[in-house]
């Protein structure tokens, strides 16, 4: 995990981290390509091949969202995905290098929250959609303001 230093905002202290995404595709080359694509936008991306790889990677890496190849999502049974206790809770963005938005059918699957046609997506669009998709998870840990740091010395040794 890449963590930034402690930041102050609105009188609270936050530890911010880079959003983690799981890039799932039919084969490792496509999954690696998706990872490089989203890493260039500043995301921490982890590759996975197929549904078994997605389940394994989701357990190993604490991701905020899943980026999955549209053709993979439409050609396999997603029943196992929908029943998996971890994957079923993660928002999924379907992506394609070849299919335009008007060429895809709406996926009637729990958790599919959006679609990216990669040749036209830019960093701001990706950030906006993925931030909204992963809004279920806090992106920062708020330090309590009731605890002073460093703690005041109560007693002095004599």
N, C-alpha and C. Protein backbone atom coordinates (compact mmCIF):
# COMPACT_ATOMS: atom_id res chain seq x y z
N UNK A 1 0.84 -1.18 0.00
CA UNK A 1 0.00 0.00 0.00
C UNK A 1 0.89 1.24 0.00
N UNK A 2 0.55 2.19 -0.83
CA UNK A 2 1.26 3.45 -0.85
C UNK A 2 0.52 4.41 0.04
N UNK A 3 1.19 4.90 1.07
CA UNK A 3 0.53 5.84 1.96
C UNK A 3 1.21 7.19 1.90
N UNK A 4 0.42 8.21 1.91
CA UNK A 4 0.94 9.56 1.96
C UNK A 4 1.18 9.93 3.41
N UNK A 5 1.96 10.95 3.66
CA UNK A 5 2.15 11.39 5.04
C UNK A 5 0.84 11.90 5.63
N UNK A 6 0.84 12.06 6.93
CA UNK A 6 -0.33 12.56 7.62
C UNK A 6 -0.69 13.94 7.07
N UNK A 7 -1.91 14.12 6.67
CA UNK A 7 -2.38 15.38 6.10
C UNK A 7 -3.42 16.00 7.02
N UNK A 8 -3.49 17.31 7.03
CA UNK A 8 -4.48 18.02 7.83
C UNK A 8 -5.49 18.68 6.89
N UNK A 9 -6.76 18.49 7.20
CA UNK A 9 -7.82 19.08 6.41
C UNK A 9 -9.02 19.29 7.32
N UNK A 10 -9.58 20.46 7.30
CA UNK A 10 -10.76 20.78 8.12
C UNK A 10 -10.54 20.50 9.60
N UNK A 11 -9.31 20.69 10.06
CA UNK A 11 -9.03 20.49 11.47
C UNK A 11 -8.88 19.04 11.89
N UNK A 12 -8.99 18.11 10.94
CA UNK A 12 -8.81 16.69 11.24
C UNK A 12 -7.54 16.20 10.57
N UNK A 13 -6.96 15.17 11.13
CA UNK A 13 -5.77 14.56 10.53
C UNK A 13 -6.22 13.34 9.73
N UNK A 14 -5.70 13.19 8.52
CA UNK A 14 -6.06 12.08 7.65
C UNK A 14 -4.81 11.37 7.17
N UNK A 15 -4.93 10.06 6.99
CA UNK A 15 -3.92 9.31 6.29
C UNK A 15 -4.56 8.90 4.98
N UNK A 16 -4.06 9.43 3.88
CA UNK A 16 -4.63 9.18 2.56
C UNK A 16 -3.85 8.06 1.88
N UNK A 17 -4.53 7.30 1.04
CA UNK A 17 -3.85 6.26 0.29
C UNK A 17 -4.38 6.23 -1.13
N UNK A 18 -3.59 5.64 -1.98
CA UNK A 18 -3.96 5.52 -3.38
C UNK A 18 -5.05 4.45 -3.52
N UNK A 19 -6.03 4.71 -4.39
CA UNK A 19 -7.10 3.75 -4.61
C UNK A 19 -6.53 2.49 -5.28
N UNK A 20 -6.92 1.33 -4.77
CA UNK A 20 -6.48 0.05 -5.32
C UNK A 20 -7.59 -0.56 -6.17
N UNK A 21 -7.21 -1.01 -7.36
CA UNK A 21 -8.17 -1.68 -8.24
C UNK A 21 -7.63 -3.05 -8.64
N UNK A 22 -8.54 -3.96 -8.86
CA UNK A 22 -8.22 -5.29 -9.34
C UNK A 22 -8.62 -5.34 -10.81
N UNK A 23 -7.66 -5.65 -11.69
CA UNK A 23 -7.91 -5.68 -13.13
C UNK A 23 -8.05 -7.13 -13.58
N UNK A 24 -9.26 -7.51 -13.93
CA UNK A 24 -9.57 -8.90 -14.27
C UNK A 24 -9.83 -9.00 -15.77
N UNK A 25 -9.16 -9.97 -16.40
CA UNK A 25 -9.34 -10.17 -17.84
C UNK A 25 -9.25 -11.66 -18.16
N UNK A 26 -9.44 -11.98 -19.44
CA UNK A 26 -9.44 -13.38 -19.89
C UNK A 26 -8.06 -14.00 -19.90
N UNK A 27 -7.02 -13.18 -20.07
CA UNK A 27 -5.66 -13.72 -20.06
C UNK A 27 -4.72 -12.69 -19.43
N UNK A 28 -3.53 -13.14 -19.07
CA UNK A 28 -2.62 -12.29 -18.30
C UNK A 28 -2.14 -11.06 -19.06
N UNK A 29 -2.01 -11.16 -20.38
CA UNK A 29 -1.54 -10.01 -21.15
C UNK A 29 -2.54 -8.86 -21.10
N UNK A 30 -3.81 -9.19 -21.23
CA UNK A 30 -4.85 -8.16 -21.19
C UNK A 30 -4.98 -7.59 -19.77
N UNK A 31 -4.91 -8.46 -18.77
CA UNK A 31 -4.97 -8.01 -17.39
C UNK A 31 -3.80 -7.07 -17.07
N UNK A 32 -2.60 -7.43 -17.53
CA UNK A 32 -1.43 -6.58 -17.32
C UNK A 32 -1.58 -5.25 -18.04
N UNK A 33 -2.17 -5.28 -19.23
CA UNK A 33 -2.41 -4.03 -19.98
C UNK A 33 -3.36 -3.12 -19.21
N UNK A 34 -4.45 -3.68 -18.70
CA UNK A 34 -5.38 -2.89 -17.90
C UNK A 34 -4.67 -2.29 -16.69
N UNK A 35 -3.81 -3.08 -16.04
CA UNK A 35 -3.07 -2.57 -14.89
C UNK A 35 -2.20 -1.37 -15.28
N UNK A 36 -1.44 -1.50 -16.35
CA UNK A 36 -0.59 -0.39 -16.80
C UNK A 36 -1.42 0.85 -17.14
N UNK A 37 -2.56 0.63 -17.78
CA UNK A 37 -3.44 1.73 -18.17
C UNK A 37 -3.88 2.51 -16.93
N UNK A 38 -4.36 1.81 -15.90
CA UNK A 38 -4.87 2.50 -14.71
C UNK A 38 -3.76 2.97 -13.78
N UNK A 39 -2.62 2.31 -13.79
CA UNK A 39 -1.46 2.80 -13.04
C UNK A 39 -0.99 4.14 -13.59
N UNK A 40 -1.09 4.33 -14.90
CA UNK A 40 -0.72 5.61 -15.52
C UNK A 40 -1.63 6.74 -15.02
N UNK A 41 -2.83 6.41 -14.58
CA UNK A 41 -3.75 7.40 -14.02
C UNK A 41 -3.53 7.60 -12.52
N UNK A 42 -2.63 6.82 -11.92
CA UNK A 42 -2.32 6.99 -10.51
C UNK A 42 -2.95 5.97 -9.58
N UNK A 43 -3.60 4.96 -10.12
CA UNK A 43 -4.20 3.92 -9.28
C UNK A 43 -3.15 2.85 -8.98
N UNK A 44 -3.33 2.14 -7.89
CA UNK A 44 -2.54 0.95 -7.61
C UNK A 44 -3.34 -0.22 -8.18
N UNK A 45 -2.80 -0.87 -9.20
CA UNK A 45 -3.55 -1.91 -9.92
C UNK A 45 -2.92 -3.28 -9.72
N UNK A 46 -3.78 -4.28 -9.57
CA UNK A 46 -3.35 -5.66 -9.37
C UNK A 46 -4.03 -6.55 -10.41
N UNK A 47 -3.26 -7.39 -11.12
CA UNK A 47 -3.83 -8.21 -12.18
C UNK A 47 -4.48 -9.49 -11.65
N UNK A 48 -5.46 -9.98 -12.40
CA UNK A 48 -6.09 -11.27 -12.12
C UNK A 48 -6.60 -11.83 -13.44
N UNK A 49 -6.51 -13.15 -13.57
CA UNK A 49 -6.97 -13.81 -14.79
C UNK A 49 -8.19 -14.66 -14.46
N UNK A 50 -9.31 -14.34 -15.09
CA UNK A 50 -10.53 -15.11 -14.92
C UNK A 50 -11.13 -15.00 -13.53
N UNK A 51 -12.24 -15.67 -13.35
CA UNK A 51 -12.94 -15.65 -12.07
C UNK A 51 -12.13 -16.27 -10.94
N UNK A 52 -11.48 -17.44 -11.17
CA UNK A 52 -10.66 -17.99 -10.08
C UNK A 52 -9.54 -17.05 -9.65
N UNK A 53 -8.90 -16.40 -10.61
CA UNK A 53 -7.84 -15.44 -10.28
C UNK A 53 -8.37 -14.23 -9.54
N UNK A 54 -9.57 -13.79 -9.90
CA UNK A 54 -10.18 -12.64 -9.22
C UNK A 54 -10.49 -12.97 -7.77
N UNK A 55 -11.01 -14.15 -7.53
CA UNK A 55 -11.32 -14.55 -6.15
C UNK A 55 -10.04 -14.63 -5.32
N UNK A 56 -9.02 -15.25 -5.88
CA UNK A 56 -7.73 -15.38 -5.18
C UNK A 56 -7.10 -14.01 -4.91
N UNK A 57 -7.09 -13.14 -5.91
CA UNK A 57 -6.47 -11.82 -5.75
C UNK A 57 -7.27 -10.93 -4.79
N UNK A 58 -8.58 -11.03 -4.82
CA UNK A 58 -9.41 -10.20 -3.93
C UNK A 58 -9.14 -10.54 -2.47
N UNK A 59 -8.83 -11.79 -2.20
CA UNK A 59 -8.50 -12.21 -0.84
C UNK A 59 -7.12 -11.68 -0.45
N UNK A 60 -6.18 -11.70 -1.39
CA UNK A 60 -4.79 -11.32 -1.11
C UNK A 60 -4.58 -9.81 -1.04
N UNK A 61 -5.38 -9.05 -1.79
CA UNK A 61 -5.19 -7.60 -1.89
C UNK A 61 -6.49 -6.91 -1.49
N UNK A 62 -6.40 -5.94 -0.64
CA UNK A 62 -7.56 -5.19 -0.17
C UNK A 62 -7.90 -4.10 -1.19
N UNK A 63 -8.71 -4.45 -2.20
CA UNK A 63 -9.00 -3.51 -3.28
C UNK A 63 -10.28 -2.72 -3.02
N UNK A 64 -10.36 -1.57 -3.67
CA UNK A 64 -11.53 -0.69 -3.55
C UNK A 64 -12.57 -0.96 -4.61
N UNK A 65 -12.13 -1.43 -5.78
CA UNK A 65 -13.04 -1.67 -6.90
C UNK A 65 -12.40 -2.68 -7.85
N UNK A 66 -13.24 -3.25 -8.72
CA UNK A 66 -12.78 -4.22 -9.72
C UNK A 66 -13.01 -3.63 -11.09
N UNK A 67 -11.99 -3.73 -11.93
CA UNK A 67 -12.09 -3.36 -13.33
C UNK A 67 -12.03 -4.68 -14.10
N UNK A 68 -13.13 -5.03 -14.78
CA UNK A 68 -13.21 -6.34 -15.42
C UNK A 68 -13.51 -6.20 -16.90
N UNK A 69 -12.86 -7.04 -17.69
CA UNK A 69 -13.05 -7.06 -19.13
C UNK A 69 -14.52 -7.37 -19.45
N UNK A 70 -15.14 -6.53 -20.26
CA UNK A 70 -16.55 -6.70 -20.61
C UNK A 70 -16.82 -8.09 -21.20
N UNK A 71 -15.95 -8.52 -22.13
CA UNK A 71 -16.16 -9.83 -22.76
C UNK A 71 -16.07 -10.97 -21.75
N UNK A 72 -15.22 -10.83 -20.76
CA UNK A 72 -15.16 -11.85 -19.70
C UNK A 72 -16.48 -11.89 -18.93
N UNK A 73 -16.98 -10.72 -18.58
CA UNK A 73 -18.23 -10.65 -17.80
C UNK A 73 -19.43 -11.21 -18.56
N UNK A 74 -19.41 -11.11 -19.89
CA UNK A 74 -20.56 -11.57 -20.68
C UNK A 74 -20.44 -13.01 -21.16
N UNK A 75 -19.27 -13.62 -20.99
CA UNK A 75 -19.09 -14.98 -21.52
C UNK A 75 -18.97 -16.05 -20.45
N UNK A 76 -18.94 -15.68 -19.19
CA UNK A 76 -18.86 -16.69 -18.13
C UNK A 76 -20.06 -16.53 -17.20
N UNK A 77 -20.34 -17.57 -16.47
CA UNK A 77 -21.39 -17.48 -15.47
C UNK A 77 -20.84 -16.71 -14.27
N UNK A 78 -21.57 -15.69 -13.85
CA UNK A 78 -21.11 -14.87 -12.73
C UNK A 78 -21.77 -15.27 -11.41
N UNK A 79 -22.41 -16.41 -11.40
CA UNK A 79 -23.07 -16.88 -10.18
C UNK A 79 -22.08 -17.02 -9.03
N UNK A 80 -20.90 -17.58 -9.31
CA UNK A 80 -19.89 -17.74 -8.26
C UNK A 80 -19.42 -16.37 -7.77
N UNK A 81 -19.25 -15.43 -8.70
CA UNK A 81 -18.83 -14.07 -8.35
C UNK A 81 -19.87 -13.43 -7.43
N UNK A 82 -21.14 -13.55 -7.80
CA UNK A 82 -22.21 -12.93 -7.02
C UNK A 82 -22.38 -13.55 -5.64
N UNK A 83 -21.98 -14.81 -5.50
CA UNK A 83 -22.09 -15.48 -4.20
C UNK A 83 -20.84 -15.35 -3.35
N UNK A 84 -19.73 -14.92 -3.94
CA UNK A 84 -18.49 -14.79 -3.18
C UNK A 84 -18.65 -13.67 -2.15
N UNK A 85 -18.32 -13.93 -0.89
CA UNK A 85 -18.55 -12.93 0.16
C UNK A 85 -17.74 -11.64 -0.03
N UNK A 86 -16.59 -11.70 -0.68
CA UNK A 86 -15.80 -10.50 -0.91
C UNK A 86 -16.10 -9.85 -2.25
N UNK A 87 -16.01 -10.61 -3.35
CA UNK A 87 -16.24 -10.04 -4.67
C UNK A 87 -17.64 -9.46 -4.83
N UNK A 88 -18.61 -10.07 -4.22
CA UNK A 88 -19.99 -9.59 -4.36
C UNK A 88 -20.19 -8.21 -3.75
N UNK A 89 -19.32 -7.79 -2.84
CA UNK A 89 -19.43 -6.47 -2.20
C UNK A 89 -18.66 -5.38 -2.95
N UNK A 90 -17.78 -5.77 -3.88
CA UNK A 90 -16.94 -4.79 -4.56
C UNK A 90 -17.64 -4.23 -5.80
N UNK A 91 -17.56 -2.92 -6.01
CA UNK A 91 -18.12 -2.36 -7.24
C UNK A 91 -17.28 -2.79 -8.43
N UNK A 92 -17.94 -3.06 -9.55
CA UNK A 92 -17.27 -3.54 -10.76
C UNK A 92 -17.50 -2.55 -11.90
N UNK A 93 -16.42 -2.18 -12.57
CA UNK A 93 -16.49 -1.37 -13.78
C UNK A 93 -16.13 -2.28 -14.93
N UNK A 94 -17.03 -2.45 -15.89
CA UNK A 94 -16.73 -3.24 -17.09
C UNK A 94 -15.92 -2.35 -18.03
N UNK A 95 -14.89 -2.93 -18.67
CA UNK A 95 -14.05 -2.17 -19.59
C UNK A 95 -13.89 -2.93 -20.90
N UNK A 96 -13.64 -2.17 -21.96
CA UNK A 96 -13.40 -2.79 -23.25
C UNK A 96 -12.47 -1.91 -24.08
N UNK A 97 -11.63 -2.57 -24.85
CA UNK A 97 -10.78 -1.87 -25.81
C UNK A 97 -11.44 -1.78 -27.18
N UNK A 98 -12.46 -2.60 -27.40
CA UNK A 98 -13.05 -2.70 -28.75
C UNK A 98 -14.52 -2.32 -28.81
N UNK A 99 -15.25 -2.52 -27.76
CA UNK A 99 -16.69 -2.24 -27.77
C UNK A 99 -16.97 -0.84 -27.24
N UNK A 100 -17.72 -0.10 -28.03
CA UNK A 100 -18.13 1.25 -27.63
C UNK A 100 -19.36 1.16 -26.73
N UNK A 101 -19.62 2.22 -25.94
CA UNK A 101 -20.76 2.18 -25.02
C UNK A 101 -22.09 1.82 -25.69
N UNK A 102 -22.33 2.30 -26.90
CA UNK A 102 -23.59 1.99 -27.58
C UNK A 102 -23.65 0.55 -28.08
N UNK A 103 -22.53 -0.16 -28.06
CA UNK A 103 -22.49 -1.54 -28.55
C UNK A 103 -22.61 -2.57 -27.43
N UNK A 104 -22.68 -2.13 -26.20
CA UNK A 104 -22.74 -3.07 -25.08
C UNK A 104 -24.16 -3.11 -24.53
N UNK A 105 -24.51 -4.27 -24.02
CA UNK A 105 -25.82 -4.38 -23.37
C UNK A 105 -25.62 -4.14 -21.88
N UNK A 106 -26.64 -3.62 -21.26
CA UNK A 106 -26.58 -3.41 -19.82
C UNK A 106 -26.45 -4.76 -19.13
N UNK A 107 -25.47 -4.84 -18.25
CA UNK A 107 -25.26 -6.09 -17.52
C UNK A 107 -26.18 -6.12 -16.32
N UNK A 108 -27.02 -7.11 -16.24
CA UNK A 108 -27.93 -7.24 -15.12
C UNK A 108 -27.27 -8.12 -14.06
N UNK A 109 -26.22 -7.57 -13.49
CA UNK A 109 -25.44 -8.30 -12.49
C UNK A 109 -25.24 -7.37 -11.30
N UNK A 110 -25.42 -7.90 -10.11
CA UNK A 110 -25.20 -7.10 -8.93
C UNK A 110 -23.77 -6.58 -8.90
N UNK A 111 -23.61 -5.31 -8.62
CA UNK A 111 -22.28 -4.74 -8.47
C UNK A 111 -21.67 -4.13 -9.71
N UNK A 112 -22.24 -4.36 -10.91
CA UNK A 112 -21.71 -3.74 -12.12
C UNK A 112 -22.23 -2.30 -12.12
N UNK A 113 -21.31 -1.36 -11.92
CA UNK A 113 -21.73 0.02 -11.71
C UNK A 113 -21.38 0.96 -12.86
N UNK A 114 -20.63 0.48 -13.85
CA UNK A 114 -20.27 1.37 -14.93
C UNK A 114 -19.54 0.66 -16.04
N UNK A 115 -19.21 1.44 -17.08
CA UNK A 115 -18.53 0.90 -18.25
C UNK A 115 -17.54 1.95 -18.75
N UNK A 116 -16.32 1.50 -19.09
CA UNK A 116 -15.31 2.35 -19.71
C UNK A 116 -14.97 1.80 -21.08
N UNK A 117 -15.03 2.66 -22.09
CA UNK A 117 -14.46 2.35 -23.40
C UNK A 117 -13.06 2.96 -23.36
N UNK A 118 -12.04 2.13 -23.16
CA UNK A 118 -10.71 2.62 -22.84
C UNK A 118 -10.09 3.59 -23.85
N UNK A 119 -10.32 3.44 -25.16
CA UNK A 119 -9.70 4.40 -26.07
C UNK A 119 -10.15 5.86 -25.87
N UNK A 120 -11.27 6.06 -25.18
CA UNK A 120 -11.76 7.44 -25.01
C UNK A 120 -11.73 7.93 -23.57
N UNK A 121 -11.38 7.10 -22.62
CA UNK A 121 -11.43 7.51 -21.21
C UNK A 121 -10.20 8.36 -20.88
N UNK A 122 -10.41 9.39 -20.06
CA UNK A 122 -9.27 10.18 -19.59
C UNK A 122 -9.17 10.05 -18.08
N UNK A 123 -8.10 10.59 -17.52
CA UNK A 123 -7.81 10.44 -16.10
C UNK A 123 -8.94 10.98 -15.24
N UNK A 124 -9.47 12.16 -15.56
CA UNK A 124 -10.52 12.78 -14.74
C UNK A 124 -11.79 11.92 -14.73
N UNK A 125 -12.16 11.38 -15.89
CA UNK A 125 -13.34 10.51 -15.96
C UNK A 125 -13.12 9.26 -15.11
N UNK A 126 -11.95 8.65 -15.24
CA UNK A 126 -11.65 7.43 -14.48
C UNK A 126 -11.69 7.72 -12.99
N UNK A 127 -11.08 8.81 -12.55
CA UNK A 127 -11.08 9.17 -11.13
C UNK A 127 -12.50 9.40 -10.62
N UNK A 128 -13.29 10.13 -11.40
CA UNK A 128 -14.65 10.46 -10.97
C UNK A 128 -15.51 9.20 -10.83
N UNK A 129 -15.46 8.33 -11.83
CA UNK A 129 -16.29 7.13 -11.81
C UNK A 129 -15.83 6.16 -10.73
N UNK A 130 -14.52 5.94 -10.64
CA UNK A 130 -14.03 4.99 -9.64
C UNK A 130 -14.21 5.52 -8.22
N UNK A 131 -14.04 6.81 -8.02
CA UNK A 131 -14.26 7.38 -6.68
C UNK A 131 -15.73 7.22 -6.27
N UNK A 132 -16.64 7.46 -7.20
CA UNK A 132 -18.06 7.28 -6.90
C UNK A 132 -18.38 5.80 -6.66
N UNK A 133 -17.80 4.93 -7.46
CA UNK A 133 -18.07 3.50 -7.31
C UNK A 133 -17.57 2.97 -5.98
N UNK A 134 -16.44 3.49 -5.54
CA UNK A 134 -15.85 2.98 -4.30
C UNK A 134 -16.20 3.85 -3.10
N UNK A 135 -17.21 4.68 -3.21
CA UNK A 135 -17.56 5.57 -2.11
C UNK A 135 -18.06 4.81 -0.88
N UNK A 136 -18.37 3.53 -1.05
CA UNK A 136 -18.79 2.71 0.08
C UNK A 136 -17.65 2.53 1.08
N UNK A 137 -16.43 2.75 0.63
CA UNK A 137 -15.26 2.55 1.49
C UNK A 137 -14.63 3.89 1.80
N UNK A 138 -14.30 4.11 3.04
CA UNK A 138 -13.65 5.37 3.42
C UNK A 138 -12.26 5.42 2.81
N UNK A 139 -11.91 6.56 2.24
CA UNK A 139 -10.59 6.71 1.66
C UNK A 139 -9.59 7.33 2.63
N UNK A 140 -10.00 7.59 3.82
CA UNK A 140 -9.09 8.16 4.79
C UNK A 140 -9.49 7.72 6.18
N UNK A 141 -8.53 7.67 7.04
CA UNK A 141 -8.77 7.36 8.44
C UNK A 141 -8.68 8.66 9.20
N UNK A 142 -9.73 9.00 9.91
CA UNK A 142 -9.74 10.25 10.65
C UNK A 142 -9.19 10.01 12.04
N UNK A 143 -8.18 10.79 12.40
CA UNK A 143 -7.63 10.69 13.75
C UNK A 143 -8.56 11.42 14.71
N UNK A 144 -8.80 10.85 15.87
CA UNK A 144 -9.69 11.53 16.82
C UNK A 144 -9.07 12.83 17.31
N UNK A 145 -9.89 13.86 17.43
CA UNK A 145 -9.39 15.15 17.89
C UNK A 145 -9.34 15.22 19.40
N UNK A 146 -9.93 14.25 20.08
CA UNK A 146 -9.95 14.28 21.54
C UNK A 146 -8.62 13.84 22.15
N UNK A 147 -7.74 13.26 21.35
CA UNK A 147 -6.45 12.82 21.87
C UNK A 147 -5.37 13.79 21.41
N UNK A 148 -4.72 14.42 22.36
CA UNK A 148 -3.63 15.33 22.01
C UNK A 148 -2.37 14.52 21.72
N UNK A 149 -1.59 14.99 20.79
CA UNK A 149 -0.33 14.30 20.49
C UNK A 149 0.74 15.35 20.28
N UNK A 150 1.86 15.24 20.91
CA UNK A 150 2.21 14.21 21.88
C UNK A 150 1.48 14.43 23.19
N UNK A 151 1.36 13.36 23.94
CA UNK A 151 0.67 13.45 25.22
C UNK A 151 1.46 14.34 26.17
N UNK A 152 0.77 15.19 26.92
CA UNK A 152 1.49 16.05 27.87
C UNK A 152 2.10 15.21 29.00
N UNK A 153 3.23 15.65 29.47
CA UNK A 153 3.87 14.94 30.59
C UNK A 153 3.10 15.23 31.86
N UNK A 154 2.70 14.20 32.54
CA UNK A 154 1.93 14.35 33.77
C UNK A 154 2.85 14.42 34.97
N UNK A 155 3.87 13.61 34.96
CA UNK A 155 4.76 13.57 36.11
C UNK A 155 6.19 13.68 35.64
N UNK A 156 6.99 14.26 36.43
CA UNK A 156 8.43 14.39 36.16
C UNK A 156 9.16 13.52 37.16
N UNK A 157 10.17 12.82 36.68
CA UNK A 157 11.01 12.05 37.59
C UNK A 157 11.92 13.01 38.34
N UNK A 158 12.07 12.76 39.60
CA UNK A 158 12.94 13.65 40.41
C UNK A 158 14.20 12.95 40.81
